[in-house]
Amino acid sequence: MEGLLKEKDLKDIVCDLHIHTSCSDGGKEASFVLEKARQQGVSIISITDHNNIDAYSKLKDTYCKDILMITGTFIKKLDRLRRKK
């Protein structure tokens, strides 16, 4: 991953920062999501499963030099609190 942002022109960087896996309500395993991102030329991803970061522990042994993974989560409880207002 070193130098990815320097090697690519900013207009060529594709990001997906809202991905769900089978660790919450998504239908695919984290490894499948990562491979699909690679195939589609995505440079930066954030798996944002509901209230957990379990997908990252499933990927901990996966060498990832071409995709930047930003650890994230979708905090569902805060979403419910916002709707009450």
N, C-alpha and C. Protein backbone atom coordinates (compact mmCIF):
# COMPACT_ATOMS: atom_id res chain seq x y z
N MET A 1 0.81 -1.19 0.00
CA MET A 1 0.00 0.00 0.00
C MET A 1 0.85 1.26 0.00
N GLU A 2 2.09 1.11 0.38
CA GLU A 2 2.97 2.27 0.47
C GLU A 2 3.05 2.99 -0.86
N GLY A 3 2.76 4.27 -0.81
CA GLY A 3 2.87 5.08 -2.00
C GLY A 3 1.68 5.04 -2.94
N LEU A 4 0.61 4.31 -2.58
CA LEU A 4 -0.54 4.21 -3.48
C LEU A 4 -1.10 5.57 -3.84
N LEU A 5 -1.25 6.42 -2.85
CA LEU A 5 -1.83 7.73 -3.12
C LEU A 5 -0.91 8.61 -3.93
N LYS A 6 0.41 8.39 -3.85
CA LYS A 6 1.35 9.15 -4.65
C LYS A 6 1.39 8.65 -6.08
N GLU A 7 1.18 7.34 -6.26
CA GLU A 7 1.26 6.75 -7.59
C GLU A 7 0.05 7.07 -8.45
N LYS A 8 -1.10 7.27 -7.83
CA LYS A 8 -2.32 7.51 -8.58
C LYS A 8 -2.69 8.98 -8.56
N ASP A 9 -3.23 9.43 -9.64
CA ASP A 9 -3.80 10.76 -9.69
C ASP A 9 -5.07 10.73 -8.84
N LEU A 10 -5.35 11.77 -8.09
CA LEU A 10 -6.50 11.77 -7.19
C LEU A 10 -7.81 11.43 -7.91
N LYS A 11 -7.95 11.82 -9.14
CA LYS A 11 -9.19 11.52 -9.87
C LYS A 11 -9.33 10.04 -10.18
N ASP A 12 -8.25 9.28 -10.05
CA ASP A 12 -8.29 7.85 -10.33
C ASP A 12 -8.51 6.99 -9.09
N ILE A 13 -8.61 7.62 -7.93
CA ILE A 13 -8.79 6.87 -6.70
C ILE A 13 -10.27 6.60 -6.48
N VAL A 14 -10.60 5.33 -6.35
CA VAL A 14 -11.98 4.91 -6.12
C VAL A 14 -12.08 4.39 -4.70
N CYS A 15 -13.07 4.89 -3.95
CA CYS A 15 -13.25 4.51 -2.54
C CYS A 15 -14.66 3.96 -2.33
N ASP A 16 -14.76 3.01 -1.42
CA ASP A 16 -16.07 2.57 -0.93
C ASP A 16 -15.94 2.53 0.58
N LEU A 17 -16.58 3.46 1.24
CA LEU A 17 -16.41 3.63 2.68
C LEU A 17 -17.64 3.19 3.47
N HIS A 18 -18.52 2.43 2.84
CA HIS A 18 -19.71 1.91 3.54
C HIS A 18 -20.00 0.51 3.01
N ILE A 19 -19.33 -0.47 3.60
CA ILE A 19 -19.45 -1.87 3.16
C ILE A 19 -19.90 -2.72 4.35
N HIS A 20 -20.86 -3.59 4.10
CA HIS A 20 -21.29 -4.53 5.13
C HIS A 20 -20.92 -5.95 4.69
N THR A 21 -20.50 -6.76 5.65
CA THR A 21 -20.15 -8.16 5.39
C THR A 21 -21.09 -9.07 6.17
N SER A 22 -20.82 -10.35 6.09
CA SER A 22 -21.62 -11.33 6.83
C SER A 22 -21.44 -11.20 8.34
N CYS A 23 -20.52 -10.34 8.77
CA CYS A 23 -20.36 -10.08 10.21
C CYS A 23 -21.50 -9.22 10.75
N SER A 24 -22.31 -8.65 9.86
CA SER A 24 -23.54 -7.97 10.30
C SER A 24 -24.64 -8.33 9.32
N ASP A 25 -25.12 -7.39 8.53
CA ASP A 25 -26.25 -7.69 7.66
C ASP A 25 -25.86 -7.83 6.18
N GLY A 26 -24.57 -7.96 5.89
CA GLY A 26 -24.13 -8.17 4.51
C GLY A 26 -24.20 -9.65 4.16
N GLY A 27 -24.15 -9.95 2.89
CA GLY A 27 -24.29 -11.33 2.45
C GLY A 27 -22.98 -12.05 2.15
N LYS A 28 -21.86 -11.35 2.16
CA LYS A 28 -20.58 -11.95 1.76
C LYS A 28 -19.54 -11.85 2.86
N GLU A 29 -18.61 -12.79 2.84
CA GLU A 29 -17.49 -12.79 3.79
C GLU A 29 -16.54 -11.64 3.45
N ALA A 30 -15.78 -11.22 4.45
CA ALA A 30 -14.84 -10.11 4.28
C ALA A 30 -13.82 -10.39 3.18
N SER A 31 -13.33 -11.61 3.08
CA SER A 31 -12.34 -11.94 2.04
C SER A 31 -12.93 -11.79 0.64
N PHE A 32 -14.21 -12.13 0.48
CA PHE A 32 -14.87 -11.96 -0.81
C PHE A 32 -14.98 -10.47 -1.16
N VAL A 33 -15.36 -9.66 -0.16
CA VAL A 33 -15.50 -8.22 -0.36
C VAL A 33 -14.17 -7.61 -0.79
N LEU A 34 -13.10 -8.01 -0.12
CA LEU A 34 -11.77 -7.49 -0.46
C LEU A 34 -11.38 -7.87 -1.88
N GLU A 35 -11.60 -9.11 -2.27
CA GLU A 35 -11.26 -9.54 -3.62
C GLU A 35 -12.11 -8.83 -4.67
N LYS A 36 -13.38 -8.64 -4.38
CA LYS A 36 -14.27 -7.93 -5.31
C LYS A 36 -13.80 -6.48 -5.49
N ALA A 37 -13.38 -5.85 -4.40
CA ALA A 37 -12.86 -4.48 -4.49
C ALA A 37 -11.63 -4.45 -5.39
N ARG A 38 -10.74 -5.42 -5.22
CA ARG A 38 -9.55 -5.52 -6.08
C ARG A 38 -9.94 -5.62 -7.55
N GLN A 39 -10.86 -6.52 -7.84
CA GLN A 39 -11.29 -6.74 -9.23
C GLN A 39 -11.89 -5.49 -9.85
N GLN A 40 -12.53 -4.67 -9.03
CA GLN A 40 -13.19 -3.48 -9.55
C GLN A 40 -12.32 -2.23 -9.49
N GLY A 41 -11.07 -2.39 -9.07
CA GLY A 41 -10.14 -1.27 -9.07
C GLY A 41 -10.33 -0.28 -7.94
N VAL A 42 -10.95 -0.73 -6.84
CA VAL A 42 -11.16 0.15 -5.69
C VAL A 42 -9.84 0.28 -4.94
N SER A 43 -9.49 1.50 -4.56
CA SER A 43 -8.21 1.77 -3.89
C SER A 43 -8.32 1.83 -2.37
N ILE A 44 -9.48 2.26 -1.87
CA ILE A 44 -9.67 2.44 -0.44
C ILE A 44 -11.04 1.89 -0.05
N ILE A 45 -11.08 1.06 1.00
CA ILE A 45 -12.35 0.56 1.50
C ILE A 45 -12.43 0.74 3.01
N SER A 46 -13.67 0.77 3.49
CA SER A 46 -13.92 0.73 4.93
C SER A 46 -15.10 -0.21 5.14
N ILE A 47 -14.85 -1.31 5.81
CA ILE A 47 -15.93 -2.23 6.15
C ILE A 47 -16.61 -1.66 7.39
N THR A 48 -17.89 -1.36 7.26
CA THR A 48 -18.62 -0.67 8.32
C THR A 48 -19.80 -1.52 8.78
N ASP A 49 -19.50 -2.72 9.26
CA ASP A 49 -20.56 -3.59 9.77
C ASP A 49 -21.20 -2.93 10.99
N HIS A 50 -22.42 -3.34 11.29
CA HIS A 50 -23.17 -2.77 12.40
C HIS A 50 -22.57 -3.17 13.75
N ASN A 51 -22.13 -2.16 14.49
CA ASN A 51 -21.70 -2.31 15.89
C ASN A 51 -20.56 -3.29 16.11
N ASN A 52 -19.73 -3.56 15.12
CA ASN A 52 -18.58 -4.44 15.34
C ASN A 52 -17.52 -4.21 14.27
N ILE A 53 -16.31 -4.69 14.57
CA ILE A 53 -15.21 -4.64 13.61
C ILE A 53 -14.65 -6.05 13.39
N ASP A 54 -15.51 -7.05 13.53
CA ASP A 54 -15.09 -8.45 13.41
C ASP A 54 -14.49 -8.80 12.06
N ALA A 55 -14.93 -8.16 11.00
CA ALA A 55 -14.41 -8.46 9.66
C ALA A 55 -12.91 -8.23 9.58
N TYR A 56 -12.41 -7.24 10.30
CA TYR A 56 -10.98 -6.93 10.25
C TYR A 56 -10.14 -8.05 10.87
N SER A 57 -10.65 -8.69 11.91
CA SER A 57 -9.90 -9.81 12.49
C SER A 57 -9.88 -10.99 11.53
N LYS A 58 -10.90 -11.12 10.70
CA LYS A 58 -10.92 -12.19 9.70
C LYS A 58 -9.93 -11.92 8.58
N LEU A 59 -9.58 -10.67 8.39
CA LEU A 59 -8.63 -10.28 7.33
C LEU A 59 -7.22 -10.04 7.85
N LYS A 60 -6.98 -10.25 9.13
CA LYS A 60 -5.69 -9.87 9.74
C LYS A 60 -4.49 -10.56 9.10
N ASP A 61 -4.68 -11.76 8.56
CA ASP A 61 -3.57 -12.47 7.93
C ASP A 61 -3.52 -12.26 6.42
N THR A 62 -4.40 -11.41 5.92
CA THR A 62 -4.45 -11.13 4.49
C THR A 62 -3.51 -9.99 4.15
N TYR A 63 -2.55 -10.27 3.28
CA TYR A 63 -1.61 -9.23 2.86
C TYR A 63 -2.33 -8.33 1.86
N CYS A 64 -2.32 -7.06 2.14
CA CYS A 64 -3.07 -6.13 1.30
C CYS A 64 -2.19 -4.94 0.96
N LYS A 65 -1.49 -5.04 -0.16
CA LYS A 65 -0.59 -3.95 -0.55
C LYS A 65 -1.24 -2.96 -1.51
N ASP A 66 -2.36 -3.36 -2.10
CA ASP A 66 -2.95 -2.53 -3.15
C ASP A 66 -4.24 -1.81 -2.74
N ILE A 67 -4.76 -2.12 -1.57
CA ILE A 67 -5.99 -1.47 -1.10
C ILE A 67 -5.77 -0.98 0.33
N LEU A 68 -6.07 0.27 0.54
CA LEU A 68 -6.02 0.82 1.90
C LEU A 68 -7.32 0.47 2.59
N MET A 69 -7.23 -0.16 3.77
CA MET A 69 -8.42 -0.49 4.55
C MET A 69 -8.49 0.44 5.75
N ILE A 70 -9.55 1.19 5.84
CA ILE A 70 -9.78 2.09 6.97
C ILE A 70 -10.75 1.39 7.91
N THR A 71 -10.32 1.14 9.13
CA THR A 71 -11.20 0.47 10.09
C THR A 71 -12.39 1.36 10.40
N GLY A 72 -13.57 0.79 10.28
CA GLY A 72 -14.78 1.55 10.55
C GLY A 72 -15.87 0.66 11.12
N THR A 73 -16.92 1.27 11.58
CA THR A 73 -18.10 0.56 12.03
C THR A 73 -19.30 1.47 11.88
N PHE A 74 -20.46 0.89 11.74
CA PHE A 74 -21.71 1.62 11.67
C PHE A 74 -22.35 1.47 13.04
N ILE A 75 -22.42 2.55 13.80
CA ILE A 75 -22.93 2.46 15.16
C ILE A 75 -24.45 2.62 15.10
N LYS A 76 -25.10 1.48 15.12
CA LYS A 76 -26.55 1.45 14.93
C LYS A 76 -27.30 2.14 16.07
N LYS A 77 -26.82 2.04 17.27
CA LYS A 77 -27.50 2.65 18.41
C LYS A 77 -27.60 4.17 18.23
N LEU A 78 -26.54 4.80 17.79
CA LEU A 78 -26.59 6.25 17.57
C LEU A 78 -27.60 6.60 16.49
N ASP A 79 -27.73 5.75 15.47
CA ASP A 79 -28.69 5.98 14.41
C ASP A 79 -30.11 5.99 14.98
N ARG A 80 -30.41 5.07 15.88
CA ARG A 80 -31.73 5.04 16.51
C ARG A 80 -31.97 6.29 17.35
N LEU A 81 -30.94 6.74 18.06
CA LEU A 81 -31.09 7.94 18.89
C LEU A 81 -31.38 9.17 18.04
N ARG A 82 -30.76 9.26 16.88
CA ARG A 82 -30.98 10.40 15.98
C ARG A 82 -32.43 10.45 15.51
N ARG A 83 -33.00 9.28 15.21
CA ARG A 83 -34.37 9.23 14.69
C ARG A 83 -35.41 9.66 15.73
N LYS A 84 -35.08 9.53 17.00
CA LYS A 84 -36.02 9.90 18.07
C LYS A 84 -36.18 11.41 18.18
N LYS A 85 -35.21 12.16 17.72
CA LYS A 85 -35.26 13.62 17.86
C LYS A 85 -36.26 14.23 16.90
